[in-house]
Amino acid sequence: MKNLTSPLPPLKSVRLLDQLRERIRYLHYSIRTEQTYVHWVKAFIRFHRLRHPAEMGRGEIEAFLSWLANERSVAVSTHKQALSALLFLYRQVLGIDLPWMSDIGRPRATRRLPVVLSPDEVQRVFTLMDGEHRLFAQLLYGAGMRLTEGLRLRVKDLDFERRTVIVREGKGRKDRALMLPQVLVIPLREQLARARVLWDDDRRCGRAGVEMPDALSRKYPRADASWAWFWVFPQVEHAVDPRSGVVRRHHMYDQTFQRAFKRAVVRAGLTKLATPHTLRHSFATALLQSGYDIRTVQDLLGHADVATTMIYTHVLKVGGGGVRSPMDALPALGLSP
């Protein structure tokens, strides 16, 4: 290992995990990435009985990753998360180059077909959801957004005149414009009216404004308390910001919605392993079935590579859209019980 001459500023924190958090926040990584990296660095240190990472090297890292793969049988994506966390720790925090990291065996991801719900199944799930959870699910399906993209929507991101939803800094830190379903215009206006009541209450009580991206709170000191930056789907209760320690109103919790969605799927009698992300898969498949070209769907989903979007064409083929089974050509003999 060799030390890197990094252009990054020196760390002010003393403890290793605090240094890790400091560097992550300096590079504007998300809170989810921060929590994930801290988790895996803690696991790495505990696995080696609290030894400091600066005292360890290739053997210890390979041993930890092998344990995850062979003993814990973690998924490929989980294995990659752990590896990314350790790479970040050594390169960005400890300033140590690991040129042999490229030689470490990485598990190959299995390309799996996404779970997709038919329009009838989607409707059955919607009818078993209530209030803002139903509206939020309908918006995810109607615009093809990721769960976190929908949760982070601000009032200013809804353009009713142009029937457009603007996703700010989606995956890959890219913005994109999506359609706002006409049937959701009135329900969304009603949702904003309910959110406005919470915003008015916060202003009347002098509470802290909502979380702002990056350094905008310093550039525009009063923007966090403005109606334009308020959440479309705010949480009723206030909570402590995990980074600043400020008590403020956050957007709807992802776990709360996920539990509501799972209950609806179970009550609908569906055997498919559907999650909120399934609505995004179902959106893409429905567009392709309606005749929209693959590039249009790619842009709406925000995929960097069209190959990622092509997976939905395989779903359509598997569903029997293009090939007739030879079994259907046989006389219907001996099929009745």
C-alpha atoms as a PDB file:
ATOM      1  CA  MET A   1       0.000   0.000   0.000  1.00  0.00           C
ATOM      2  CA  LYS A   2       1.123   3.553  -0.637  1.00  0.00           C
ATOM      3  CA  ASN A   3      -0.164   6.900   0.539  1.00  0.00           C
ATOM      4  CA  LEU A   4      -2.087   9.035  -1.910  1.00  0.00           C
ATOM      5  CA  THR A   5      -1.522  12.738  -2.442  1.00  0.00           C
ATOM      6  CA  SER A   6      -5.193  13.723  -2.303  1.00  0.00           C
ATOM      7  CA  PRO A   7      -6.550  17.131  -3.393  1.00  0.00           C
ATOM      8  CA  LEU A   8      -9.197  16.776  -0.681  1.00  0.00           C
ATOM      9  CA  PRO A   9      -8.868  19.026   2.404  1.00  0.00           C
ATOM     10  CA  PRO A  10      -7.461  17.529   5.615  1.00  0.00           C
ATOM     11  CA  LEU A  11      -9.961  15.923   7.954  1.00  0.00           C
ATOM     12  CA  LYS A  12     -10.898  17.729  11.146  1.00  0.00           C
ATOM     13  CA  SER A  13     -12.433  14.777  12.955  1.00  0.00           C
ATOM     14  CA  VAL A  14     -10.342  12.528  15.169  1.00  0.00           C
ATOM     15  CA  ARG A  15     -12.313   9.286  15.345  1.00  0.00           C
ATOM     16  CA  LEU A  16     -12.282   7.059  12.273  1.00  0.00           C
ATOM     17  CA  LEU A  17     -16.046   6.792  11.776  1.00  0.00           C
ATOM     18  CA  ASP A  18     -16.429  10.542  12.226  1.00  0.00           C
ATOM     19  CA  GLN A  19     -13.727  11.021   9.591  1.00  0.00           C
ATOM     20  CA  LEU A  20     -15.649   8.689   7.293  1.00  0.00           C
ATOM     21  CA  ARG A  21     -18.856  10.689   7.760  1.00  0.00           C
ATOM     22  CA  GLU A  22     -16.992  13.983   7.283  1.00  0.00           C
ATOM     23  CA  ARG A  23     -15.511  12.884   3.968  1.00  0.00           C
ATOM     24  CA  ILE A  24     -18.813  11.483   2.708  1.00  0.00           C
ATOM     25  CA  ARG A  25     -20.596  14.746   3.462  1.00  0.00           C
ATOM     26  CA  TYR A  26     -17.831  16.820   1.885  1.00  0.00           C
ATOM     27  CA  LEU A  27     -18.303  14.842  -1.346  1.00  0.00           C
ATOM     28  CA  HIS A  28     -22.106  15.304  -1.129  1.00  0.00           C
ATOM     29  CA  TYR A  29     -22.960  11.632  -0.923  1.00  0.00           C
ATOM     30  CA  SER A  30     -26.499  10.832   0.208  1.00  0.00           C
ATOM     31  CA  ILE A  31     -27.463  10.006   3.775  1.00  0.00           C
ATOM     32  CA  ARG A  32     -28.267   6.450   2.638  1.00  0.00           C
ATOM     33  CA  THR A  33     -24.759   6.018   1.253  1.00  0.00           C
ATOM     34  CA  GLU A  34     -23.345   7.389   4.491  1.00  0.00           C
ATOM     35  CA  GLN A  35     -25.336   4.947   6.582  1.00  0.00           C
ATOM     36  CA  THR A  36     -24.374   2.033   4.325  1.00  0.00           C
ATOM     37  CA  TYR A  37     -20.651   2.825   4.318  1.00  0.00           C
ATOM     38  CA  VAL A  38     -20.563   3.324   8.089  1.00  0.00           C
ATOM     39  CA  HIS A  39     -22.312  -0.015   8.553  1.00  0.00           C
ATOM     40  CA  TRP A  40     -19.805  -1.939   6.452  1.00  0.00           C
ATOM     41  CA  VAL A  41     -16.752  -0.253   7.945  1.00  0.00           C
ATOM     42  CA  LYS A  42     -18.047  -1.120  11.413  1.00  0.00           C
ATOM     43  CA  ALA A  43     -18.632  -4.715  10.305  1.00  0.00           C
ATOM     44  CA  PHE A  44     -15.097  -4.903   8.845  1.00  0.00           C
ATOM     45  CA  ILE A  45     -13.542  -3.630  12.087  1.00  0.00           C
ATOM     46  CA  ARG A  46     -15.622  -5.959  14.265  1.00  0.00           C
ATOM     47  CA  PHE A  47     -14.782  -8.936  12.036  1.00  0.00           C
ATOM     48  CA  HIS A  48     -11.087  -8.339  12.722  1.00  0.00           C
ATOM     49  CA  ARG A  49     -11.622  -7.835  16.458  1.00  0.00           C
ATOM     50  CA  LEU A  50     -11.439  -4.048  16.529  1.00  0.00           C
ATOM     51  CA  ARG A  51      -8.150  -3.680  14.681  1.00  0.00           C
ATOM     52  CA  HIS A  52      -7.657  -0.311  12.994  1.00  0.00           C
ATOM     53  CA  PRO A  53      -8.039  -0.505   9.176  1.00  0.00           C
ATOM     54  CA  ALA A  54      -4.722   1.349   8.717  1.00  0.00           C
ATOM     55  CA  GLU A  55      -3.012  -1.691  10.249  1.00  0.00           C
ATOM     56  CA  MET A  56      -4.676  -4.104   7.838  1.00  0.00           C
ATOM     57  CA  GLY A  57      -4.313  -4.779   4.142  1.00  0.00           C
ATOM     58  CA  ARG A  58      -5.163  -7.119   1.323  1.00  0.00           C
ATOM     59  CA  GLY A  59      -5.357 -10.289   3.374  1.00  0.00           C
ATOM     60  CA  GLU A  60      -7.795  -8.853   5.881  1.00  0.00           C
ATOM     61  CA  ILE A  61     -10.007  -7.289   3.216  1.00  0.00           C
ATOM     62  CA  GLU A  62     -10.144 -10.514   1.193  1.00  0.00           C
ATOM     63  CA  ALA A  63     -10.908 -12.509   4.333  1.00  0.00           C
ATOM     64  CA  PHE A  64     -13.824 -10.217   5.178  1.00  0.00           C
ATOM     65  CA  LEU A  65     -15.252 -10.274   1.661  1.00  0.00           C
ATOM     66  CA  SER A  66     -14.866 -14.065   1.479  1.00  0.00           C
ATOM     67  CA  TRP A  67     -16.700 -14.403   4.791  1.00  0.00           C
ATOM     68  CA  LEU A  68     -19.570 -12.309   3.438  1.00  0.00           C
ATOM     69  CA  ALA A  69     -19.821 -14.412   0.287  1.00  0.00           C
ATOM     70  CA  ASN A  70     -19.251 -17.886   1.729  1.00  0.00           C
ATOM     71  CA  GLU A  71     -20.525 -17.738   5.304  1.00  0.00           C
ATOM     72  CA  ARG A  72     -23.167 -15.027   5.146  1.00  0.00           C
ATOM     73  CA  SER A  73     -24.203 -15.790   1.523  1.00  0.00           C
ATOM     74  CA  VAL A  74     -24.963 -12.117   0.874  1.00  0.00           C
ATOM     75  CA  ALA A  75     -26.396 -10.976  -2.438  1.00  0.00           C
ATOM     76  CA  VAL A  76     -24.085  -9.725  -5.162  1.00  0.00           C
ATOM     77  CA  SER A  77     -25.292  -6.151  -4.692  1.00  0.00           C
ATOM     78  CA  THR A  78     -24.596  -6.370  -0.954  1.00  0.00           C
ATOM     79  CA  HIS A  79     -21.102  -7.732  -1.599  1.00  0.00           C
ATOM     80  CA  LYS A  80     -20.417  -4.805  -3.938  1.00  0.00           C
ATOM     81  CA  GLN A  81     -21.672  -2.347  -1.327  1.00  0.00           C
ATOM     82  CA  ALA A  82     -19.198  -3.682   1.229  1.00  0.00           C
ATOM     83  CA  LEU A  83     -16.350  -3.516  -1.276  1.00  0.00           C
ATOM     84  CA  SER A  84     -17.242   0.058  -2.265  1.00  0.00           C
ATOM     85  CA  ALA A  85     -17.330   1.089   1.391  1.00  0.00           C
ATOM     86  CA  LEU A  86     -13.844  -0.306   2.022  1.00  0.00           C
ATOM     87  CA  LEU A  87     -12.464   1.270  -1.140  1.00  0.00           C
ATOM     88  CA  PHE A  88     -13.849   4.639  -0.045  1.00  0.00           C
ATOM     89  CA  LEU A  89     -12.423   4.227   3.451  1.00  0.00           C
ATOM     90  CA  TYR A  90      -8.900   3.453   2.287  1.00  0.00           C
ATOM     91  CA  ARG A  91      -8.709   5.897  -0.605  1.00  0.00           C
ATOM     92  CA  GLN A  92     -10.727   8.890   0.579  1.00  0.00           C
ATOM     93  CA  VAL A  93     -10.322   8.717   4.356  1.00  0.00           C
ATOM     94  CA  LEU A  94      -7.027   6.957   5.081  1.00  0.00           C
ATOM     95  CA  GLY A  95      -5.390   8.192   1.866  1.00  0.00           C
ATOM     96  CA  ILE A  96      -3.991   4.728   1.123  1.00  0.00           C
ATOM     97  CA  ASP A  97      -3.811   3.398  -2.432  1.00  0.00           C
ATOM     98  CA  LEU A  98      -4.820  -0.210  -2.969  1.00  0.00           C
ATOM     99  CA  PRO A  99      -3.597  -1.057  -6.477  1.00  0.00           C
ATOM    100  CA  TRP A 100      -4.276  -4.748  -5.904  1.00  0.00           C
ATOM    101  CA  MET A 101      -7.991  -4.120  -5.378  1.00  0.00           C
ATOM    102  CA  SER A 102      -8.556  -4.686  -9.079  1.00  0.00           C
ATOM    103  CA  ASP A 103      -7.312  -8.254  -8.593  1.00  0.00           C
ATOM    104  CA  ILE A 104      -9.907  -9.123  -5.959  1.00  0.00           C
ATOM    105  CA  GLY A 105     -12.562 -11.414  -7.347  1.00  0.00           C
ATOM    106  CA  ARG A 106     -15.907  -9.695  -7.676  1.00  0.00           C
ATOM    107  CA  PRO A 107     -19.101 -11.750  -7.855  1.00  0.00           C
ATOM    108  CA  ARG A 108     -20.921 -11.547 -11.141  1.00  0.00           C
ATOM    109  CA  ALA A 109     -24.418 -10.158 -10.911  1.00  0.00           C
ATOM    110  CA  THR A 110     -27.251 -12.406 -12.042  1.00  0.00           C
ATOM    111  CA  ARG A 111     -29.529 -10.730 -14.548  1.00  0.00           C
ATOM    112  CA  ARG A 112     -33.016 -11.353 -13.234  1.00  0.00           C
ATOM    113  CA  LEU A 113     -36.296 -10.442 -14.849  1.00  0.00           C
ATOM    114  CA  PRO A 114     -38.127  -7.770 -12.844  1.00  0.00           C
ATOM    115  CA  VAL A 115     -41.442  -8.476 -11.153  1.00  0.00           C
ATOM    116  CA  VAL A 116     -44.211  -6.791 -13.133  1.00  0.00           C
ATOM    117  CA  LEU A 117     -47.871  -6.299 -12.242  1.00  0.00           C
ATOM    118  CA  SER A 118     -50.614  -6.213 -14.836  1.00  0.00           C
ATOM    119  CA  PRO A 119     -52.868  -3.126 -14.955  1.00  0.00           C
ATOM    120  CA  ASP A 120     -55.589  -5.166 -13.233  1.00  0.00           C
ATOM    121  CA  GLU A 121     -53.219  -6.195 -10.435  1.00  0.00           C
ATOM    122  CA  VAL A 122     -52.014  -2.616 -10.024  1.00  0.00           C
ATOM    123  CA  GLN A 123     -55.605  -1.422  -9.689  1.00  0.00           C
ATOM    124  CA  ARG A 124     -56.376  -4.127  -7.114  1.00  0.00           C
ATOM    125  CA  VAL A 125     -53.446  -2.956  -4.991  1.00  0.00           C
ATOM    126  CA  PHE A 126     -54.490   0.702  -5.275  1.00  0.00           C
ATOM    127  CA  THR A 127     -58.039  -0.026  -4.100  1.00  0.00           C
ATOM    128  CA  LEU A 128     -56.646  -1.581  -0.910  1.00  0.00           C
ATOM    129  CA  MET A 129     -54.544   1.455   0.003  1.00  0.00           C
ATOM    130  CA  ASP A 130     -55.790   4.571   1.741  1.00  0.00           C
ATOM    131  CA  GLY A 131     -55.254   8.311   1.657  1.00  0.00           C
ATOM    132  CA  GLU A 132     -51.867   9.711   0.763  1.00  0.00           C
ATOM    133  CA  HIS A 133     -50.359   6.216   0.531  1.00  0.00           C
ATOM    134  CA  ARG A 134     -52.721   5.403  -2.336  1.00  0.00           C
ATOM    135  CA  LEU A 135     -52.016   8.728  -4.053  1.00  0.00           C
ATOM    136  CA  PHE A 136     -48.272   8.267  -3.633  1.00  0.00           C
ATOM    137  CA  ALA A 137     -48.442   4.755  -5.126  1.00  0.00           C
ATOM    138  CA  GLN A 138     -50.492   6.069  -8.038  1.00  0.00           C
ATOM    139  CA  LEU A 139     -47.909   8.786  -8.682  1.00  0.00           C
ATOM    140  CA  LEU A 140     -45.028   6.291  -8.625  1.00  0.00           C
ATOM    141  CA  TYR A 141     -46.844   4.135 -11.164  1.00  0.00           C
ATOM    142  CA  GLY A 142     -48.160   7.037 -13.251  1.00  0.00           C
ATOM    143  CA  ALA A 143     -44.755   8.714 -13.637  1.00  0.00           C
ATOM    144  CA  GLY A 144     -42.379   5.763 -13.266  1.00  0.00           C
ATOM    145  CA  MET A 145     -40.426   7.300 -10.400  1.00  0.00           C
ATOM    146  CA  ARG A 146     -38.156   5.570  -7.940  1.00  0.00           C
ATOM    147  CA  LEU A 147     -39.392   5.507  -4.351  1.00  0.00           C
ATOM    148  CA  THR A 148     -36.865   8.057  -3.077  1.00  0.00           C
ATOM    149  CA  GLU A 149     -37.533  10.360  -6.037  1.00  0.00           C
ATOM    150  CA  GLY A 150     -41.200  10.499  -5.131  1.00  0.00           C
ATOM    151  CA  LEU A 151     -40.541  11.012  -1.434  1.00  0.00           C
ATOM    152  CA  ARG A 152     -38.242  13.976  -2.129  1.00  0.00           C
ATOM    153  CA  LEU A 153     -40.685  15.849  -4.358  1.00  0.00           C
ATOM    154  CA  ARG A 154     -41.048  19.532  -3.437  1.00  0.00           C
ATOM    155  CA  VAL A 155     -44.034  21.760  -4.153  1.00  0.00           C
ATOM    156  CA  LYS A 156     -42.052  23.598  -6.837  1.00  0.00           C
ATOM    157  CA  ASP A 157     -41.468  20.317  -8.701  1.00  0.00           C
ATOM    158  CA  LEU A 158     -45.130  19.981  -9.711  1.00  0.00           C
ATOM    159  CA  ASP A 159     -46.076  21.966 -12.808  1.00  0.00           C
ATOM    160  CA  PHE A 160     -49.837  21.615 -13.212  1.00  0.00           C
ATOM    161  CA  GLU A 161     -50.023  23.902 -16.234  1.00  0.00           C
ATOM    162  CA  ARG A 162     -47.635  21.751 -18.260  1.00  0.00           C
ATOM    163  CA  ARG A 163     -48.664  18.557 -16.427  1.00  0.00           C
ATOM    164  CA  THR A 164     -45.032  17.857 -15.606  1.00  0.00           C
ATOM    165  CA  VAL A 165     -43.209  16.399 -12.615  1.00  0.00           C
ATOM    166  CA  ILE A 166     -39.561  17.403 -12.282  1.00  0.00           C
ATOM    167  CA  VAL A 167     -37.265  14.881 -10.603  1.00  0.00           C
ATOM    168  CA  ARG A 168     -34.290  16.734  -9.113  1.00  0.00           C
ATOM    169  CA  GLU A 169     -30.977  14.928  -8.819  1.00  0.00           C
ATOM    170  CA  GLY A 170     -32.263  11.431  -9.410  1.00  0.00           C
ATOM    171  CA  LYS A 171     -29.927   8.477  -9.647  1.00  0.00           C
ATOM    172  CA  GLY A 172     -26.632   9.687 -11.085  1.00  0.00           C
ATOM    173  CA  ARG A 173     -27.472  13.220  -9.849  1.00  0.00           C
ATOM    174  CA  LYS A 174     -29.473  13.922 -13.015  1.00  0.00           C
ATOM    175  CA  ASP A 175     -32.694  15.909 -13.397  1.00  0.00           C
ATOM    176  CA  ARG A 176     -35.471  14.729 -15.667  1.00  0.00           C
ATOM    177  CA  ALA A 177     -39.014  15.750 -16.584  1.00  0.00           C
ATOM    178  CA  LEU A 178     -41.880  13.255 -16.316  1.00  0.00           C
ATOM    179  CA  MET A 179     -45.547  13.328 -17.187  1.00  0.00           C
ATOM    180  CA  LEU A 180     -48.048  14.246 -14.505  1.00  0.00           C
ATOM    181  CA  PRO A 181     -51.089  11.995 -15.029  1.00  0.00           C
ATOM    182  CA  GLN A 182     -54.227  14.027 -15.722  1.00  0.00           C
ATOM    183  CA  VAL A 183     -56.305  11.883 -13.353  1.00  0.00           C
ATOM    184  CA  LEU A 184     -53.982  12.827 -10.482  1.00  0.00           C
ATOM    185  CA  VAL A 185     -54.155  16.611 -10.938  1.00  0.00           C
ATOM    186  CA  ILE A 186     -57.092  17.148  -8.568  1.00  0.00           C
ATOM    187  CA  PRO A 187     -55.893  14.602  -5.947  1.00  0.00           C
ATOM    188  CA  LEU A 188     -52.441  16.214  -5.966  1.00  0.00           C
ATOM    189  CA  ARG A 189     -53.904  19.695  -5.538  1.00  0.00           C
ATOM    190  CA  GLU A 190     -55.848  18.350  -2.563  1.00  0.00           C
ATOM    191  CA  GLN A 191     -52.649  16.792  -1.204  1.00  0.00           C
ATOM    192  CA  LEU A 192     -50.899  20.165  -1.456  1.00  0.00           C
ATOM    193  CA  ALA A 193     -53.763  21.768   0.453  1.00  0.00           C
ATOM    194  CA  ARG A 194     -53.236  19.243   3.280  1.00  0.00           C
ATOM    195  CA  ALA A 195     -49.474  19.821   3.170  1.00  0.00           C
ATOM    196  CA  ARG A 196     -50.075  23.575   3.318  1.00  0.00           C
ATOM    197  CA  VAL A 197     -51.812  23.154   6.674  1.00  0.00           C
ATOM    198  CA  LEU A 198     -48.666  21.531   8.095  1.00  0.00           C
ATOM    199  CA  TRP A 199     -46.454  24.197   6.520  1.00  0.00           C
ATOM    200  CA  ASP A 200     -48.603  26.984   8.016  1.00  0.00           C
ATOM    201  CA  ASP A 201     -48.407  25.313  11.430  1.00  0.00           C
ATOM    202  CA  ASP A 202     -44.599  25.103  11.222  1.00  0.00           C
ATOM    203  CA  ARG A 203     -44.304  28.756  10.302  1.00  0.00           C
ATOM    204  CA  ARG A 204     -46.723  29.844  13.021  1.00  0.00           C
ATOM    205  CA  CYS A 205     -44.753  27.877  15.639  1.00  0.00           C
ATOM    206  CA  GLY A 206     -41.373  29.086  14.351  1.00  0.00           C
ATOM    207  CA  ARG A 207     -40.072  25.588  13.656  1.00  0.00           C
ATOM    208  CA  ALA A 208     -36.999  24.874  11.538  1.00  0.00           C
ATOM    209  CA  GLY A 209     -37.478  24.604   7.782  1.00  0.00           C
ATOM    210  CA  VAL A 210     -37.154  21.453   5.731  1.00  0.00           C
ATOM    211  CA  GLU A 211     -33.862  19.851   4.742  1.00  0.00           C
ATOM    212  CA  MET A 212     -32.151  21.535   1.793  1.00  0.00           C
ATOM    213  CA  PRO A 213     -29.843  19.871  -0.760  1.00  0.00           C
ATOM    214  CA  ASP A 214     -26.103  20.480  -0.479  1.00  0.00           C
ATOM    215  CA  ALA A 215     -25.222  24.079   0.551  1.00  0.00           C
ATOM    216  CA  LEU A 216     -28.429  25.793  -0.588  1.00  0.00           C
ATOM    217  CA  SER A 217     -29.398  26.514   3.013  1.00  0.00           C
ATOM    218  CA  ARG A 218     -26.361  28.809   3.253  1.00  0.00           C
ATOM    219  CA  LYS A 219     -26.842  30.344  -0.183  1.00  0.00           C
ATOM    220  CA  TYR A 220     -30.555  30.956   0.396  1.00  0.00           C
ATOM    221  CA  PRO A 221     -30.967  31.152   4.186  1.00  0.00           C
ATOM    222  CA  ARG A 222     -34.764  31.478   4.162  1.00  0.00           C
ATOM    223  CA  ALA A 223     -35.560  29.043   1.340  1.00  0.00           C
ATOM    224  CA  ASP A 224     -35.948  26.095   3.714  1.00  0.00           C
ATOM    225  CA  ALA A 225     -38.972  27.810   5.270  1.00  0.00           C
ATOM    226  CA  SER A 226     -40.595  28.720   1.936  1.00  0.00           C
ATOM    227  CA  TRP A 227     -43.689  26.990   0.595  1.00  0.00           C
ATOM    228  CA  ALA A 228     -41.976  26.232  -2.732  1.00  0.00           C
ATOM    229  CA  TRP A 229     -39.394  23.998  -1.018  1.00  0.00           C
ATOM    230  CA  PHE A 230     -41.878  22.191   1.230  1.00  0.00           C
ATOM    231  CA  TRP A 231     -42.485  18.459   0.760  1.00  0.00           C
ATOM    232  CA  VAL A 232     -45.395  17.304  -1.397  1.00  0.00           C
ATOM    233  CA  PHE A 233     -45.767  14.320   0.953  1.00  0.00           C
ATOM    234  CA  PRO A 234     -44.674  15.610   4.387  1.00  0.00           C
ATOM    235  CA  GLN A 235     -44.499  13.510   7.521  1.00  0.00           C
ATOM    236  CA  VAL A 236     -47.031  14.500  10.174  1.00  0.00           C
ATOM    237  CA  GLU A 237     -44.599  14.147  13.081  1.00  0.00           C
ATOM    238  CA  HIS A 238     -41.331  16.028  13.433  1.00  0.00           C
ATOM    239  CA  ALA A 239     -38.026  14.195  13.770  1.00  0.00           C
ATOM    240  CA  VAL A 240     -34.340  14.843  14.407  1.00  0.00           C
ATOM    241  CA  ASP A 241     -32.236  15.361  11.286  1.00  0.00           C
ATOM    242  CA  PRO A 242     -29.591  12.578  11.438  1.00  0.00           C
ATOM    243  CA  ARG A 243     -26.855  14.882  10.141  1.00  0.00           C
ATOM    244  CA  SER A 244     -27.533  18.282  11.683  1.00  0.00           C
ATOM    245  CA  GLY A 245     -29.398  17.235  14.811  1.00  0.00           C
ATOM    246  CA  VAL A 246     -32.096  19.827  14.031  1.00  0.00           C
ATOM    247  CA  VAL A 247     -35.714  18.907  14.794  1.00  0.00           C
ATOM    248  CA  ARG A 248     -37.681  19.506  11.610  1.00  0.00           C
ATOM    249  CA  ARG A 249     -40.394  18.057   9.381  1.00  0.00           C
ATOM    250  CA  HIS A 250     -39.245  15.366   6.992  1.00  0.00           C
ATOM    251  CA  HIS A 251     -40.955  13.813   4.022  1.00  0.00           C
ATOM    252  CA  MET A 252     -43.008  10.627   4.347  1.00  0.00           C
ATOM    253  CA  TYR A 253     -40.904   7.770   5.693  1.00  0.00           C
ATOM    254  CA  ASP A 254     -40.052   5.127   3.127  1.00  0.00           C
ATOM    255  CA  GLN A 255     -40.580   2.299   5.639  1.00  0.00           C
ATOM    256  CA  THR A 256     -44.085   3.525   6.421  1.00  0.00           C
ATOM    257  CA  PHE A 257     -45.080   3.460   2.768  1.00  0.00           C
ATOM    258  CA  GLN A 258     -43.368   0.141   2.110  1.00  0.00           C
ATOM    259  CA  ARG A 259     -45.334  -1.506   4.907  1.00  0.00           C
ATOM    260  CA  ALA A 260     -48.604  -0.049   3.606  1.00  0.00           C
ATOM    261  CA  PHE A 261     -47.826  -1.274   0.093  1.00  0.00           C
ATOM    262  CA  LYS A 262     -46.917  -4.765   1.310  1.00  0.00           C
ATOM    263  CA  ARG A 263     -50.168  -5.039   3.260  1.00  0.00           C
ATOM    264  CA  ALA A 264     -52.139  -4.092   0.145  1.00  0.00           C
ATOM    265  CA  VAL A 265     -50.294  -6.674  -1.969  1.00  0.00           C
ATOM    266  CA  VAL A 266     -51.055  -9.409   0.564  1.00  0.00           C
ATOM    267  CA  ARG A 267     -54.706  -8.393   0.901  1.00  0.00           C
ATOM    268  CA  ALA A 268     -55.028  -8.369  -2.899  1.00  0.00           C
ATOM    269  CA  GLY A 269     -54.065 -12.040  -2.898  1.00  0.00           C
ATOM    270  CA  LEU A 270     -51.064 -11.538  -5.171  1.00  0.00           C
ATOM    271  CA  THR A 271     -48.362 -14.191  -5.071  1.00  0.00           C
ATOM    272  CA  LYS A 272     -45.832 -12.013  -6.887  1.00  0.00           C
ATOM    273  CA  LEU A 273     -43.063 -10.589  -4.686  1.00  0.00           C
ATOM    274  CA  ALA A 274     -44.084  -7.011  -5.414  1.00  0.00           C
ATOM    275  CA  THR A 275     -42.451  -3.988  -3.770  1.00  0.00           C
ATOM    276  CA  PRO A 276     -42.930  -0.249  -4.415  1.00  0.00           C
ATOM    277  CA  HIS A 277     -40.190  -0.505  -7.071  1.00  0.00           C
ATOM    278  CA  THR A 278     -42.430  -2.985  -8.901  1.00  0.00           C
ATOM    279  CA  LEU A 279     -44.651  -0.036  -9.817  1.00  0.00           C
ATOM    280  CA  ARG A 280     -41.745   1.436 -11.780  1.00  0.00           C
ATOM    281  CA  HIS A 281     -41.209  -1.868 -13.597  1.00  0.00           C
ATOM    282  CA  SER A 282     -44.932  -2.071 -14.345  1.00  0.00           C
ATOM    283  CA  PHE A 283     -44.904   1.511 -15.673  1.00  0.00           C
ATOM    284  CA  ALA A 284     -42.095   0.722 -18.136  1.00  0.00           C
ATOM    285  CA  THR A 285     -43.707  -2.508 -19.321  1.00  0.00           C
ATOM    286  CA  ALA A 286     -47.076  -0.802 -19.824  1.00  0.00           C
ATOM    287  CA  LEU A 287     -45.468   1.905 -21.985  1.00  0.00           C
ATOM    288  CA  LEU A 288     -43.750  -0.664 -24.206  1.00  0.00           C
ATOM    289  CA  GLN A 289     -46.991  -2.593 -24.566  1.00  0.00           C
ATOM    290  CA  SER A 290     -48.664   0.659 -25.638  1.00  0.00           C
ATOM    291  CA  GLY A 291     -46.172   1.023 -28.488  1.00  0.00           C
ATOM    292  CA  TYR A 292     -43.731   3.619 -27.131  1.00  0.00           C
ATOM    293  CA  ASP A 293     -40.171   3.150 -28.362  1.00  0.00           C
ATOM    294  CA  ILE A 294     -37.381   1.948 -26.115  1.00  0.00           C
ATOM    295  CA  ARG A 295     -35.487   5.272 -26.200  1.00  0.00           C
ATOM    296  CA  THR A 296     -38.503   7.180 -24.919  1.00  0.00           C
ATOM    297  CA  VAL A 297     -38.906   4.737 -22.055  1.00  0.00           C
ATOM    298  CA  GLN A 298     -35.166   4.966 -21.331  1.00  0.00           C
ATOM    299  CA  ASP A 299     -35.371   8.759 -21.005  1.00  0.00           C
ATOM    300  CA  LEU A 300     -38.414   8.609 -18.737  1.00  0.00           C
ATOM    301  CA  LEU A 301     -36.777   6.057 -16.457  1.00  0.00           C
ATOM    302  CA  GLY A 302     -33.481   7.949 -16.388  1.00  0.00           C
ATOM    303  CA  HIS A 303     -31.389   4.961 -17.438  1.00  0.00           C
ATOM    304  CA  ALA A 304     -27.856   5.825 -18.547  1.00  0.00           C
ATOM    305  CA  ASP A 305     -27.658   2.774 -20.810  1.00  0.00           C
ATOM    306  CA  VAL A 306     -30.456   1.527 -23.049  1.00  0.00           C
ATOM    307  CA  ALA A 307     -29.345  -2.022 -22.223  1.00  0.00           C
ATOM    308  CA  THR A 308     -30.831  -1.516 -18.754  1.00  0.00           C
ATOM    309  CA  THR A 309     -34.181  -0.607 -20.297  1.00  0.00           C
ATOM    310  CA  MET A 310     -34.065  -3.562 -22.699  1.00  0.00           C
ATOM    311  CA  ILE A 311     -34.776  -5.940 -19.808  1.00  0.00           C
ATOM    312  CA  TYR A 312     -38.447  -4.979 -20.094  1.00  0.00           C
ATOM    313  CA  THR A 313     -38.619  -6.259 -23.651  1.00  0.00           C
ATOM    314  CA  HIS A 314     -37.640  -9.665 -22.278  1.00  0.00           C
ATOM    315  CA  VAL A 315     -40.521  -9.454 -19.818  1.00  0.00           C
ATOM    316  CA  LEU A 316     -42.922  -8.910 -22.705  1.00  0.00           C
ATOM    317  CA  LYS A 317     -41.509 -11.878 -24.622  1.00  0.00           C
ATOM    318  CA  VAL A 318     -41.674 -14.170 -21.617  1.00  0.00           C
ATOM    319  CA  GLY A 319     -45.260 -13.104 -21.102  1.00  0.00           C
ATOM    320  CA  GLY A 320     -46.135 -14.726 -24.420  1.00  0.00           C
ATOM    321  CA  GLY A 321     -46.477 -11.515 -26.395  1.00  0.00           C
ATOM    322  CA  GLY A 322     -44.601 -12.825 -29.417  1.00  0.00           C
ATOM    323  CA  VAL A 323     -44.410 -16.628 -29.254  1.00  0.00           C
ATOM    324  CA  ARG A 324     -47.238 -19.182 -29.158  1.00  0.00           C
ATOM    325  CA  SER A 325     -46.553 -22.296 -27.152  1.00  0.00           C
ATOM    326  CA  PRO A 326     -46.647 -25.563 -29.187  1.00  0.00           C
ATOM    327  CA  MET A 327     -48.803 -26.973 -26.384  1.00  0.00           C
ATOM    328  CA  ASP A 328     -51.622 -24.719 -27.512  1.00  0.00           C
ATOM    329  CA  ALA A 329     -51.554 -26.346 -30.951  1.00  0.00           C
ATOM    330  CA  LEU A 330     -52.292 -29.826 -29.577  1.00  0.00           C
ATOM    331  CA  PRO A 331     -55.833 -31.203 -29.323  1.00  0.00           C
ATOM    332  CA  ALA A 332     -57.269 -30.547 -25.868  1.00  0.00           C
ATOM    333  CA  LEU A 333     -57.230 -34.199 -24.778  1.00  0.00           C
ATOM    334  CA  GLY A 334     -56.541 -35.527 -21.317  1.00  0.00           C
ATOM    335  CA  LEU A 335     -56.286 -32.106 -19.711  1.00  0.00           C
ATOM    336  CA  SER A 336     -59.385 -32.338 -17.572  1.00  0.00           C
ATOM    337  CA  PRO A 337     -58.968 -33.832 -14.080  1.00  0.00           C
END
